[in-house]
Amino acid sequence: MSEPLLGVAFLCEEIPFLFSSHLVSSFLKKKKMSSPSKRREMDLMKLMMSDYKVEMINDGMQEFYVEFNGPKDSPYHGGVWKIRVELPDAYPYKSPSIGFINKIYHPNVDEMSGSVCLDVINQTWSPMFDLVNVFAVFLPQLLLYPNPSDPLNGEAAALMMRDRTSYEQRVKEYCEKYAKLEDIGAAPEEKSSDEELSDDEYAASDDEEIAGKADP
């Protein structure tokens, strides 16, 4: 009889431990579930305090624009881009959605939509990362070390693999045309159409001048 009693005593001693462990686990789980909104606020404030220009969308804290400069020692240096950021409800346990607003020539960025192919954003995101990591580390690394083997812009990937010099020249041309400080307020389509209209206007004005000189 002594052995069963010892077994019961042993179980009785373990039950409070198991019960308290369950409470702690439940508490931590609830704590995690309630933390995303506070974490969003903290990460956004940290981004602003790191000298990044942030423009809120719809007065909320889940959608905003960030001004991003091309990294030094890359053909993107001197370019400035407007990046749209959307934080999901589950952030930081789910990665932010980011995209370039003005055009960039890069194998891993879709030229039309501005969407980004970046493993650390799309697949291997961790709650340990924050918004400063995105703009101080991940995006600079993307521009410094493009991956043409997994492209969103097939033309840029092919040119980079075929002729790196021509690829870098094309990058600089895009920076000059679409990535100046005055460009980040307009969508690429709007800017390009404006340029076409202005070219047509110049051509029309030239024709008028020539025609005017021909008249007696």
C-alpha atoms as a PDB file:
ATOM      1  CA  MET A   1       0.000   0.000   0.000  1.00  0.00           C
ATOM      2  CA  SER A   2       2.911   2.274   0.625  1.00  0.00           C
ATOM      3  CA  GLU A   3       3.947   2.387  -3.026  1.00  0.00           C
ATOM      4  CA  PRO A   4       0.571   3.642  -4.393  1.00  0.00           C
ATOM      5  CA  LEU A   5       0.450   6.249  -1.649  1.00  0.00           C
ATOM      6  CA  LEU A   6       3.897   7.429  -2.602  1.00  0.00           C
ATOM      7  CA  GLY A   7       2.779   7.582  -6.233  1.00  0.00           C
ATOM      8  CA  VAL A   8      -0.267   9.655  -5.297  1.00  0.00           C
ATOM      9  CA  ALA A   9       1.870  11.963  -3.181  1.00  0.00           C
ATOM     10  CA  PHE A  10       4.278  12.381  -6.051  1.00  0.00           C
ATOM     11  CA  LEU A  11       1.418  13.250  -8.420  1.00  0.00           C
ATOM     12  CA  CYS A  12      -0.019  15.695  -5.917  1.00  0.00           C
ATOM     13  CA  GLU A  13       3.291  17.459  -5.702  1.00  0.00           C
ATOM     14  CA  GLU A  14       3.512  17.690  -9.513  1.00  0.00           C
ATOM     15  CA  ILE A  15      -0.056  18.944 -10.117  1.00  0.00           C
ATOM     16  CA  PRO A  16       0.490  22.446  -8.665  1.00  0.00           C
ATOM     17  CA  PHE A  17       3.630  22.767 -10.778  1.00  0.00           C
ATOM     18  CA  LEU A  18       1.821  21.719 -13.945  1.00  0.00           C
ATOM     19  CA  PHE A  19      -1.130  23.946 -13.109  1.00  0.00           C
ATOM     20  CA  SER A  20       1.048  26.992 -12.465  1.00  0.00           C
ATOM     21  CA  SER A  21       3.059  26.339 -15.654  1.00  0.00           C
ATOM     22  CA  HIS A  22      -0.180  26.263 -17.619  1.00  0.00           C
ATOM     23  CA  LEU A  23      -1.219  29.610 -16.122  1.00  0.00           C
ATOM     24  CA  VAL A  24       2.125  31.189 -16.959  1.00  0.00           C
ATOM     25  CA  SER A  25       1.975  29.852 -20.519  1.00  0.00           C
ATOM     26  CA  SER A  26      -1.583  31.137 -20.918  1.00  0.00           C
ATOM     27  CA  PHE A  27      -0.634  34.534 -19.516  1.00  0.00           C
ATOM     28  CA  LEU A  28       2.341  34.860 -21.854  1.00  0.00           C
ATOM     29  CA  LYS A  29       0.218  33.852 -24.817  1.00  0.00           C
ATOM     30  CA  LYS A  30      -2.378  36.488 -23.988  1.00  0.00           C
ATOM     31  CA  LYS A  31       0.384  39.014 -23.474  1.00  0.00           C
ATOM     32  CA  LYS A  32       1.744  38.279 -26.926  1.00  0.00           C
ATOM     33  CA  MET A  33      -1.703  38.565 -28.457  1.00  0.00           C
ATOM     34  CA  SER A  34      -2.209  42.015 -26.944  1.00  0.00           C
ATOM     35  CA  SER A  35       1.240  43.374 -27.849  1.00  0.00           C
ATOM     36  CA  PRO A  36       1.127  43.941 -31.669  1.00  0.00           C
ATOM     37  CA  SER A  37      -0.548  47.369 -31.468  1.00  0.00           C
ATOM     38  CA  LYS A  38       1.991  48.575 -28.909  1.00  0.00           C
ATOM     39  CA  ARG A  39       4.821  47.089 -30.926  1.00  0.00           C
ATOM     40  CA  ARG A  40       3.624  48.898 -34.060  1.00  0.00           C
ATOM     41  CA  GLU A  41       3.643  52.200 -32.202  1.00  0.00           C
ATOM     42  CA  MET A  42       7.082  51.555 -30.744  1.00  0.00           C
ATOM     43  CA  ASP A  43       8.633  50.496 -34.064  1.00  0.00           C
ATOM     44  CA  LEU A  44       7.116  53.440 -35.918  1.00  0.00           C
ATOM     45  CA  MET A  45       8.441  55.883 -33.326  1.00  0.00           C
ATOM     46  CA  LYS A  46      11.861  54.229 -33.518  1.00  0.00           C
ATOM     47  CA  LEU A  47      11.828  54.631 -37.312  1.00  0.00           C
ATOM     48  CA  MET A  48      10.964  58.321 -37.041  1.00  0.00           C
ATOM     49  CA  MET A  49      13.662  58.879 -34.415  1.00  0.00           C
ATOM     50  CA  SER A  50      16.193  57.283 -36.792  1.00  0.00           C
ATOM     51  CA  ASP A  51      15.858  60.279 -39.143  1.00  0.00           C
ATOM     52  CA  TYR A  52      13.635  58.557 -41.700  1.00  0.00           C
ATOM     53  CA  LYS A  53      10.948  60.787 -43.176  1.00  0.00           C
ATOM     54  CA  VAL A  54       7.574  59.147 -42.575  1.00  0.00           C
ATOM     55  CA  GLU A  55       4.241  60.225 -44.052  1.00  0.00           C
ATOM     56  CA  MET A  56       1.141  58.662 -42.532  1.00  0.00           C
ATOM     57  CA  ILE A  57      -1.761  57.455 -44.689  1.00  0.00           C
ATOM     58  CA  ASN A  58      -5.338  58.092 -43.507  1.00  0.00           C
ATOM     59  CA  ASP A  59      -4.129  59.210 -40.065  1.00  0.00           C
ATOM     60  CA  GLY A  60      -3.545  55.595 -39.066  1.00  0.00           C
ATOM     61  CA  MET A  61      -0.470  53.739 -37.850  1.00  0.00           C
ATOM     62  CA  GLN A  62      -0.656  50.740 -40.186  1.00  0.00           C
ATOM     63  CA  GLU A  63      -0.103  52.419 -43.560  1.00  0.00           C
ATOM     64  CA  PHE A  64       2.530  55.027 -44.319  1.00  0.00           C
ATOM     65  CA  TYR A  65       5.240  56.154 -46.734  1.00  0.00           C
ATOM     66  CA  VAL A  66       8.956  56.223 -45.947  1.00  0.00           C
ATOM     67  CA  GLU A  67      11.607  58.163 -47.855  1.00  0.00           C
ATOM     68  CA  PHE A  68      14.450  55.821 -48.766  1.00  0.00           C
ATOM     69  CA  ASN A  69      17.843  56.768 -50.232  1.00  0.00           C
ATOM     70  CA  GLY A  70      19.930  54.485 -52.398  1.00  0.00           C
ATOM     71  CA  PRO A  71      22.964  53.060 -50.559  1.00  0.00           C
ATOM     72  CA  LYS A  72      26.495  54.281 -51.156  1.00  0.00           C
ATOM     73  CA  ASP A  73      28.827  52.087 -53.226  1.00  0.00           C
ATOM     74  CA  SER A  74      25.920  51.092 -55.457  1.00  0.00           C
ATOM     75  CA  PRO A  75      24.622  52.444 -58.796  1.00  0.00           C
ATOM     76  CA  TYR A  76      21.483  53.474 -56.848  1.00  0.00           C
ATOM     77  CA  HIS A  77      23.414  56.058 -54.818  1.00  0.00           C
ATOM     78  CA  GLY A  78      21.861  59.500 -55.250  1.00  0.00           C
ATOM     79  CA  GLY A  79      18.399  58.084 -55.923  1.00  0.00           C
ATOM     80  CA  VAL A  80      15.510  58.611 -53.521  1.00  0.00           C
ATOM     81  CA  TRP A  81      12.382  56.469 -53.414  1.00  0.00           C
ATOM     82  CA  LYS A  82       9.018  56.667 -51.736  1.00  0.00           C
ATOM     83  CA  ILE A  83       8.288  53.307 -50.113  1.00  0.00           C
ATOM     84  CA  ARG A  84       4.749  52.347 -49.148  1.00  0.00           C
ATOM     85  CA  VAL A  85       4.563  50.266 -45.965  1.00  0.00           C
ATOM     86  CA  GLU A  86       1.532  48.390 -44.689  1.00  0.00           C
ATOM     87  CA  LEU A  87       1.665  46.675 -41.307  1.00  0.00           C
ATOM     88  CA  PRO A  88      -0.686  43.688 -40.886  1.00  0.00           C
ATOM     89  CA  ASP A  89      -2.751  43.290 -37.719  1.00  0.00           C
ATOM     90  CA  ALA A  90      -0.382  40.516 -36.597  1.00  0.00           C
ATOM     91  CA  TYR A  91       2.799  42.602 -36.954  1.00  0.00           C
ATOM     92  CA  PRO A  92       5.535  41.901 -35.792  1.00  0.00           C
ATOM     93  CA  TYR A  93       4.622  38.203 -35.998  1.00  0.00           C
ATOM     94  CA  LYS A  94       3.755  38.748 -39.655  1.00  0.00           C
ATOM     95  CA  SER A  95       6.012  40.714 -42.010  1.00  0.00           C
ATOM     96  CA  PRO A  96       5.200  44.207 -43.310  1.00  0.00           C
ATOM     97  CA  SER A  97       4.184  44.710 -46.927  1.00  0.00           C
ATOM     98  CA  ILE A  98       6.483  47.113 -48.776  1.00  0.00           C
ATOM     99  CA  GLY A  99       6.618  48.494 -52.308  1.00  0.00           C
ATOM    100  CA  PHE A 100       8.382  51.190 -54.335  1.00  0.00           C
ATOM    101  CA  ILE A 101       6.109  54.035 -55.464  1.00  0.00           C
ATOM    102  CA  ASN A 102       8.419  55.669 -57.999  1.00  0.00           C
ATOM    103  CA  LYS A 103      10.182  53.464 -60.526  1.00  0.00           C
ATOM    104  CA  ILE A 104      13.395  51.578 -59.881  1.00  0.00           C
ATOM    105  CA  TYR A 105      15.357  49.316 -62.245  1.00  0.00           C
ATOM    106  CA  HIS A 106      16.188  46.195 -60.254  1.00  0.00           C
ATOM    107  CA  PRO A 107      15.942  42.438 -60.917  1.00  0.00           C
ATOM    108  CA  ASN A 108      13.984  41.832 -57.694  1.00  0.00           C
ATOM    109  CA  VAL A 109      11.527  44.731 -57.915  1.00  0.00           C
ATOM    110  CA  ASP A 110       8.532  44.656 -60.257  1.00  0.00           C
ATOM    111  CA  GLU A 111       8.819  47.754 -62.424  1.00  0.00           C
ATOM    112  CA  MET A 112       5.078  48.361 -62.731  1.00  0.00           C
ATOM    113  CA  SER A 113       3.746  47.478 -59.259  1.00  0.00           C
ATOM    114  CA  GLY A 114       6.877  48.230 -57.212  1.00  0.00           C
ATOM    115  CA  SER A 115       6.495  44.977 -55.271  1.00  0.00           C
ATOM    116  CA  VAL A 116       9.671  43.495 -53.805  1.00  0.00           C
ATOM    117  CA  CYS A 117      11.043  39.953 -53.888  1.00  0.00           C
ATOM    118  CA  LEU A 118      13.029  39.709 -50.660  1.00  0.00           C
ATOM    119  CA  ASP A 119      13.229  36.494 -48.631  1.00  0.00           C
ATOM    120  CA  VAL A 120      13.603  38.222 -45.276  1.00  0.00           C
ATOM    121  CA  ILE A 121      10.318  40.049 -45.918  1.00  0.00           C
ATOM    122  CA  ASN A 122       8.379  37.347 -47.738  1.00  0.00           C
ATOM    123  CA  GLN A 123       9.547  34.102 -46.118  1.00  0.00           C
ATOM    124  CA  THR A 124      12.029  34.332 -43.252  1.00  0.00           C
ATOM    125  CA  TRP A 125      10.629  37.283 -41.308  1.00  0.00           C
ATOM    126  CA  SER A 126      11.047  37.147 -37.529  1.00  0.00           C
ATOM    127  CA  PRO A 127       9.436  39.205 -34.712  1.00  0.00           C
ATOM    128  CA  MET A 128      12.991  40.104 -33.717  1.00  0.00           C
ATOM    129  CA  PHE A 129      13.171  42.358 -36.799  1.00  0.00           C
ATOM    130  CA  ASP A 130      11.709  45.850 -36.850  1.00  0.00           C
ATOM    131  CA  LEU A 131      11.072  48.690 -39.315  1.00  0.00           C
ATOM    132  CA  VAL A 132      14.537  50.179 -38.875  1.00  0.00           C
ATOM    133  CA  ASN A 133      15.990  46.806 -39.935  1.00  0.00           C
ATOM    134  CA  VAL A 134      13.914  47.002 -43.129  1.00  0.00           C
ATOM    135  CA  PHE A 135      15.243  50.421 -44.159  1.00  0.00           C
ATOM    136  CA  ALA A 136      18.731  50.350 -42.642  1.00  0.00           C
ATOM    137  CA  VAL A 137      19.671  46.770 -43.537  1.00  0.00           C
ATOM    138  CA  PHE A 138      17.294  44.742 -45.730  1.00  0.00           C
ATOM    139  CA  LEU A 139      16.528  47.235 -48.516  1.00  0.00           C
ATOM    140  CA  PRO A 140      20.145  48.499 -48.757  1.00  0.00           C
ATOM    141  CA  GLN A 141      21.312  44.876 -49.007  1.00  0.00           C
ATOM    142  CA  LEU A 142      18.742  44.260 -51.742  1.00  0.00           C
ATOM    143  CA  LEU A 143      20.082  47.175 -53.788  1.00  0.00           C
ATOM    144  CA  LEU A 144      23.724  46.331 -53.100  1.00  0.00           C
ATOM    145  CA  TYR A 145      23.383  42.636 -53.936  1.00  0.00           C
ATOM    146  CA  PRO A 146      20.618  41.966 -56.490  1.00  0.00           C
ATOM    147  CA  ASN A 147      19.659  38.349 -57.110  1.00  0.00           C
ATOM    148  CA  PRO A 148      19.057  37.863 -60.864  1.00  0.00           C
ATOM    149  CA  SER A 149      18.285  34.155 -60.391  1.00  0.00           C
ATOM    150  CA  ASP A 150      14.940  34.967 -58.721  1.00  0.00           C
ATOM    151  CA  PRO A 151      13.689  37.981 -60.711  1.00  0.00           C
ATOM    152  CA  LEU A 152      10.532  40.061 -60.744  1.00  0.00           C
ATOM    153  CA  ASN A 153      12.020  42.135 -63.562  1.00  0.00           C
ATOM    154  CA  GLY A 154      13.263  39.612 -66.114  1.00  0.00           C
ATOM    155  CA  GLU A 155      14.758  42.253 -68.397  1.00  0.00           C
ATOM    156  CA  ALA A 156      16.874  43.739 -65.609  1.00  0.00           C
ATOM    157  CA  ALA A 157      17.986  40.273 -64.482  1.00  0.00           C
ATOM    158  CA  ALA A 158      19.005  39.244 -67.990  1.00  0.00           C
ATOM    159  CA  LEU A 159      20.900  42.495 -68.610  1.00  0.00           C
ATOM    160  CA  MET A 160      22.695  42.217 -65.266  1.00  0.00           C
ATOM    161  CA  MET A 161      23.901  38.692 -66.057  1.00  0.00           C
ATOM    162  CA  ARG A 162      24.822  39.543 -69.635  1.00  0.00           C
ATOM    163  CA  ASP A 163      26.431  42.980 -69.248  1.00  0.00           C
ATOM    164  CA  ARG A 164      26.913  44.362 -65.740  1.00  0.00           C
ATOM    165  CA  THR A 165      28.198  47.716 -67.021  1.00  0.00           C
ATOM    166  CA  SER A 166      25.125  48.280 -69.197  1.00  0.00           C
ATOM    167  CA  TYR A 167      22.895  47.192 -66.319  1.00  0.00           C
ATOM    168  CA  GLU A 168      24.441  49.757 -63.961  1.00  0.00           C
ATOM    169  CA  GLN A 169      24.117  52.439 -66.623  1.00  0.00           C
ATOM    170  CA  ARG A 170      20.410  51.640 -66.975  1.00  0.00           C
ATOM    171  CA  VAL A 171      20.026  51.823 -63.186  1.00  0.00           C
ATOM    172  CA  LYS A 172      21.569  55.313 -63.179  1.00  0.00           C
ATOM    173  CA  GLU A 173      19.316  56.410 -66.030  1.00  0.00           C
ATOM    174  CA  TYR A 174      16.264  55.352 -64.024  1.00  0.00           C
ATOM    175  CA  CYS A 175      17.608  57.188 -60.987  1.00  0.00           C
ATOM    176  CA  GLU A 176      17.985  60.357 -63.048  1.00  0.00           C
ATOM    177  CA  LYS A 177      14.545  60.027 -64.595  1.00  0.00           C
ATOM    178  CA  TYR A 178      12.408  58.704 -61.731  1.00  0.00           C
ATOM    179  CA  ALA A 179      14.309  58.891 -58.425  1.00  0.00           C
ATOM    180  CA  LYS A 180      14.993  62.535 -57.669  1.00  0.00           C
ATOM    181  CA  LEU A 181      13.585  64.239 -54.586  1.00  0.00           C
ATOM    182  CA  GLU A 182      10.931  66.004 -56.671  1.00  0.00           C
ATOM    183  CA  ASP A 183       9.816  62.657 -58.145  1.00  0.00           C
ATOM    184  CA  ILE A 184       8.653  60.975 -54.946  1.00  0.00           C
ATOM    185  CA  GLY A 185       5.365  62.868 -54.892  1.00  0.00           C
ATOM    186  CA  ALA A 186       4.085  61.412 -58.177  1.00  0.00           C
ATOM    187  CA  ALA A 187       3.330  57.892 -59.328  1.00  0.00           C
ATOM    188  CA  PRO A 188       5.564  56.620 -62.161  1.00  0.00           C
ATOM    189  CA  GLU A 189       2.677  56.406 -64.645  1.00  0.00           C
ATOM    190  CA  GLU A 190       1.664  59.993 -63.981  1.00  0.00           C
ATOM    191  CA  LYS A 191       5.219  61.230 -64.348  1.00  0.00           C
ATOM    192  CA  SER A 192       5.918  59.378 -67.568  1.00  0.00           C
ATOM    193  CA  SER A 193       2.645  60.570 -69.138  1.00  0.00           C
ATOM    194  CA  ASP A 194       3.474  64.138 -68.103  1.00  0.00           C
ATOM    195  CA  GLU A 195       6.865  63.791 -69.732  1.00  0.00           C
ATOM    196  CA  GLU A 196       5.268  62.534 -72.934  1.00  0.00           C
ATOM    197  CA  LEU A 197       2.842  65.448 -72.948  1.00  0.00           C
ATOM    198  CA  SER A 198       5.611  67.948 -72.327  1.00  0.00           C
ATOM    199  CA  ASP A 199       7.647  66.436 -75.177  1.00  0.00           C
ATOM    200  CA  ASP A 200       4.624  66.724 -77.480  1.00  0.00           C
ATOM    201  CA  GLU A 201       4.109  70.321 -76.391  1.00  0.00           C
ATOM    202  CA  TYR A 202       7.732  71.155 -77.109  1.00  0.00           C
ATOM    203  CA  ALA A 203       7.469  69.515 -80.515  1.00  0.00           C
ATOM    204  CA  ALA A 204       4.257  71.417 -81.259  1.00  0.00           C
ATOM    205  CA  SER A 205       5.791  74.732 -80.180  1.00  0.00           C
ATOM    206  CA  ASP A 206       8.843  74.061 -82.353  1.00  0.00           C
ATOM    207  CA  ASP A 207       6.584  73.334 -85.335  1.00  0.00           C
ATOM    208  CA  GLU A 208       4.670  76.557 -84.726  1.00  0.00           C
ATOM    209  CA  GLU A 209       7.891  78.547 -84.573  1.00  0.00           C
ATOM    210  CA  ILE A 210       9.134  77.018 -87.824  1.00  0.00           C
ATOM    211  CA  ALA A 211       5.778  77.588 -89.489  1.00  0.00           C
ATOM    212  CA  GLY A 212       5.767  81.158 -88.214  1.00  0.00           C
ATOM    213  CA  LYS A 213       9.164  81.856 -89.729  1.00  0.00           C
ATOM    214  CA  ALA A 214       8.028  80.447 -93.062  1.00  0.00           C
ATOM    215  CA  ASP A 215       5.085  82.853 -93.247  1.00  0.00           C
ATOM    216  CA  PRO A 216       5.828  86.190 -94.944  1.00  0.00           C
END
